[in-house]
Amino acid sequence: MVVRVLATEEALALIELLKEKHGPIMFHQSGGCCDGSSPMCYPEGDLLLGDQDVCLGEIGDAPFYMHKNQYNYWKHTQIILDVVDGRGGMFSLEGVEGKRFLTRSRAFSAEELKELELI
């Protein structure tokens, strides 16, 4: 089964730490405003979602959303949530941990696109 979003082991470990500290969390792939185009992590429910937000799946039991307009550019790629050292977005939960989430991606193969019904 093809998944649209997944996370590295390092990202999953940070997600577990954040859930221990903050309870249920959620992600939203920023579209480039205040904090660039970073994946943002919030306590679940702190970010009000709109009708135009698409849930791409869950990573570490945390839903991952993206605005529909941005999704149209990313729908041919698998999003891979990773972690690097450094301070990330000032609104994202992981910033105080000295880490930041980072979005990596790879293009889906023709077979995967067919399974996702994009071709």
C-alpha atoms as a PDB file:
ATOM      1  CA  MET A   1       0.000   0.000   0.000  1.00  0.00           C
ATOM      2  CA  VAL A   2       1.330   3.409  -0.973  1.00  0.00           C
ATOM      3  CA  VAL A   3       1.378   6.039   1.764  1.00  0.00           C
ATOM      4  CA  ARG A   4       1.489   9.753   1.050  1.00  0.00           C
ATOM      5  CA  VAL A   5       3.385  10.703   4.203  1.00  0.00           C
ATOM      6  CA  LEU A   6       5.871   8.843   6.389  1.00  0.00           C
ATOM      7  CA  ALA A   7       8.560   9.678   8.926  1.00  0.00           C
ATOM      8  CA  THR A   8      12.137   8.692   9.646  1.00  0.00           C
ATOM      9  CA  GLU A   9      12.988   6.870  12.878  1.00  0.00           C
ATOM     10  CA  GLU A  10      14.429  10.127  14.268  1.00  0.00           C
ATOM     11  CA  ALA A  11      11.205  11.974  13.493  1.00  0.00           C
ATOM     12  CA  LEU A  12       9.108   9.222  15.069  1.00  0.00           C
ATOM     13  CA  ALA A  13      11.225   9.399  18.250  1.00  0.00           C
ATOM     14  CA  LEU A  14      10.728  13.176  18.459  1.00  0.00           C
ATOM     15  CA  ILE A  15       7.001  12.758  17.828  1.00  0.00           C
ATOM     16  CA  GLU A  16       6.785  10.351  20.781  1.00  0.00           C
ATOM     17  CA  LEU A  17       8.661  12.815  23.014  1.00  0.00           C
ATOM     18  CA  LEU A  18       6.336  15.646  21.993  1.00  0.00           C
ATOM     19  CA  LYS A  19       3.246  13.512  22.619  1.00  0.00           C
ATOM     20  CA  GLU A  20       4.540  12.650  26.106  1.00  0.00           C
ATOM     21  CA  LYS A  21       4.967  16.361  26.867  1.00  0.00           C
ATOM     22  CA  HIS A  22       1.945  17.832  25.084  1.00  0.00           C
ATOM     23  CA  GLY A  23      -0.582  15.047  24.537  1.00  0.00           C
ATOM     24  CA  PRO A  24      -2.021  14.425  21.051  1.00  0.00           C
ATOM     25  CA  ILE A  25      -0.327  16.441  18.300  1.00  0.00           C
ATOM     26  CA  MET A  26      -0.937  17.272  14.663  1.00  0.00           C
ATOM     27  CA  PHE A  27       1.113  18.483  11.693  1.00  0.00           C
ATOM     28  CA  HIS A  28       0.391  21.028   9.003  1.00  0.00           C
ATOM     29  CA  GLN A  29       2.749  21.582   6.098  1.00  0.00           C
ATOM     30  CA  SER A  30       3.239  25.334   6.063  1.00  0.00           C
ATOM     31  CA  GLY A  31       2.645  27.089   2.787  1.00  0.00           C
ATOM     32  CA  GLY A  32       5.433  29.603   3.222  1.00  0.00           C
ATOM     33  CA  CYS A  33       4.098  32.420   5.386  1.00  0.00           C
ATOM     34  CA  CYS A  34       5.631  33.207   8.774  1.00  0.00           C
ATOM     35  CA  ASP A  35       7.819  30.129   9.141  1.00  0.00           C
ATOM     36  CA  GLY A  36       8.692  29.413   5.529  1.00  0.00           C
ATOM     37  CA  SER A  37       7.612  26.058   4.194  1.00  0.00           C
ATOM     38  CA  SER A  38       8.295  23.976   7.282  1.00  0.00           C
ATOM     39  CA  PRO A  39       6.149  21.172   8.622  1.00  0.00           C
ATOM     40  CA  MET A  40       4.566  22.678  11.717  1.00  0.00           C
ATOM     41  CA  CYS A  41       3.709  20.630  14.815  1.00  0.00           C
ATOM     42  CA  TYR A  42       0.893  21.767  17.115  1.00  0.00           C
ATOM     43  CA  PRO A  43      -1.086  20.330  19.999  1.00  0.00           C
ATOM     44  CA  GLU A  44      -4.041  18.660  18.314  1.00  0.00           C
ATOM     45  CA  GLY A  45      -6.812  21.199  17.835  1.00  0.00           C
ATOM     46  CA  ASP A  46      -4.625  24.305  18.305  1.00  0.00           C
ATOM     47  CA  LEU A  47      -4.619  24.992  14.563  1.00  0.00           C
ATOM     48  CA  LEU A  48      -8.067  25.521  13.169  1.00  0.00           C
ATOM     49  CA  LEU A  49      -8.407  23.519   9.982  1.00  0.00           C
ATOM     50  CA  GLY A  50     -10.546  24.655   7.087  1.00  0.00           C
ATOM     51  CA  ASP A  51     -12.491  22.971   4.336  1.00  0.00           C
ATOM     52  CA  GLN A  52      -9.473  23.364   2.068  1.00  0.00           C
ATOM     53  CA  ASP A  53      -7.088  21.378   4.303  1.00  0.00           C
ATOM     54  CA  VAL A  54      -6.363  17.808   3.197  1.00  0.00           C
ATOM     55  CA  CYS A  55      -5.262  15.053   5.578  1.00  0.00           C
ATOM     56  CA  LEU A  56      -2.473  13.114   3.862  1.00  0.00           C
ATOM     57  CA  GLY A  57      -2.272  10.447   6.533  1.00  0.00           C
ATOM     58  CA  GLU A  58      -0.836   9.875   9.980  1.00  0.00           C
ATOM     59  CA  ILE A  59       2.705   9.614  11.247  1.00  0.00           C
ATOM     60  CA  GLY A  60       3.244   8.365  14.772  1.00  0.00           C
ATOM     61  CA  ASP A  61      -0.531   8.544  15.285  1.00  0.00           C
ATOM     62  CA  ALA A  62      -0.451  12.261  14.457  1.00  0.00           C
ATOM     63  CA  PRO A  63      -2.473  13.526  11.477  1.00  0.00           C
ATOM     64  CA  PHE A  64      -0.560  15.416   8.761  1.00  0.00           C
ATOM     65  CA  TYR A  65      -2.432  18.135   6.840  1.00  0.00           C
ATOM     66  CA  MET A  66      -1.728  20.381   3.883  1.00  0.00           C
ATOM     67  CA  HIS A  67      -3.798  23.074   2.182  1.00  0.00           C
ATOM     68  CA  LYS A  68      -5.519  21.829  -0.986  1.00  0.00           C
ATOM     69  CA  ASN A  69      -3.770  24.362  -3.245  1.00  0.00           C
ATOM     70  CA  GLN A  70      -0.359  23.271  -2.001  1.00  0.00           C
ATOM     71  CA  TYR A  71      -1.360  19.603  -2.183  1.00  0.00           C
ATOM     72  CA  ASN A  72      -2.003  20.032  -5.916  1.00  0.00           C
ATOM     73  CA  TYR A  73       1.730  20.724  -6.324  1.00  0.00           C
ATOM     74  CA  TRP A  74       2.830  17.898  -4.002  1.00  0.00           C
ATOM     75  CA  LYS A  75       0.361  15.145  -4.921  1.00  0.00           C
ATOM     76  CA  HIS A  76       2.900  13.357  -7.121  1.00  0.00           C
ATOM     77  CA  THR A  77       5.385  13.062  -4.260  1.00  0.00           C
ATOM     78  CA  GLN A  78       5.687  11.140  -1.046  1.00  0.00           C
ATOM     79  CA  ILE A  79       6.387  13.396   1.914  1.00  0.00           C
ATOM     80  CA  ILE A  80       9.032  12.146   4.328  1.00  0.00           C
ATOM     81  CA  LEU A  81       9.141  13.906   7.691  1.00  0.00           C
ATOM     82  CA  ASP A  82      12.681  14.106   9.046  1.00  0.00           C
ATOM     83  CA  VAL A  83      14.450  15.888  11.918  1.00  0.00           C
ATOM     84  CA  VAL A  84      17.619  17.977  11.945  1.00  0.00           C
ATOM     85  CA  ASP A  85      19.400  19.897  14.686  1.00  0.00           C
ATOM     86  CA  GLY A  86      18.563  23.567  15.002  1.00  0.00           C
ATOM     87  CA  ARG A  87      15.664  25.856  15.725  1.00  0.00           C
ATOM     88  CA  GLY A  88      12.664  25.562  13.486  1.00  0.00           C
ATOM     89  CA  GLY A  89       9.466  27.517  13.204  1.00  0.00           C
ATOM     90  CA  MET A  90       8.736  29.593  16.256  1.00  0.00           C
ATOM     91  CA  PHE A  91       5.176  28.273  16.438  1.00  0.00           C
ATOM     92  CA  SER A  92       6.114  24.597  16.134  1.00  0.00           C
ATOM     93  CA  LEU A  93       6.372  22.451  19.290  1.00  0.00           C
ATOM     94  CA  GLU A  94       9.774  20.920  18.572  1.00  0.00           C
ATOM     95  CA  GLY A  95      11.657  24.253  18.628  1.00  0.00           C
ATOM     96  CA  VAL A  96      12.421  24.120  22.358  1.00  0.00           C
ATOM     97  CA  GLU A  97      13.990  20.683  21.897  1.00  0.00           C
ATOM     98  CA  GLY A  98      16.807  22.111  19.755  1.00  0.00           C
ATOM     99  CA  LYS A  99      15.453  20.181  16.777  1.00  0.00           C
ATOM    100  CA  ARG A 100      13.304  21.036  13.803  1.00  0.00           C
ATOM    101  CA  PHE A 101      11.151  18.970  11.526  1.00  0.00           C
ATOM    102  CA  LEU A 102      12.098  19.020   7.863  1.00  0.00           C
ATOM    103  CA  THR A 103      10.115  17.859   4.850  1.00  0.00           C
ATOM    104  CA  ARG A 104      11.906  15.655   2.365  1.00  0.00           C
ATOM    105  CA  SER A 105      10.168  14.135  -0.603  1.00  0.00           C
ATOM    106  CA  ARG A 106      10.493  11.702  -3.449  1.00  0.00           C
ATOM    107  CA  ALA A 107       8.491  11.374  -6.649  1.00  0.00           C
ATOM    108  CA  PHE A 108       6.101   8.445  -6.767  1.00  0.00           C
ATOM    109  CA  SER A 109       6.852   5.801  -9.384  1.00  0.00           C
ATOM    110  CA  ALA A 110       4.412   5.232 -12.246  1.00  0.00           C
ATOM    111  CA  GLU A 111       3.138   2.115 -10.462  1.00  0.00           C
ATOM    112  CA  GLU A 112       2.562   4.051  -7.240  1.00  0.00           C
ATOM    113  CA  LEU A 113       0.772   6.854  -9.099  1.00  0.00           C
ATOM    114  CA  LYS A 114      -1.478   4.275 -10.704  1.00  0.00           C
ATOM    115  CA  GLU A 115      -2.270   2.802  -7.288  1.00  0.00           C
ATOM    116  CA  LEU A 116      -3.072   6.315  -6.047  1.00  0.00           C
ATOM    117  CA  GLU A 117      -5.214   6.789  -9.175  1.00  0.00           C
ATOM    118  CA  LEU A 118      -3.288   9.879 -10.268  1.00  0.00           C
ATOM    119  CA  ILE A 119      -2.658   8.587 -13.808  1.00  0.00           C
END
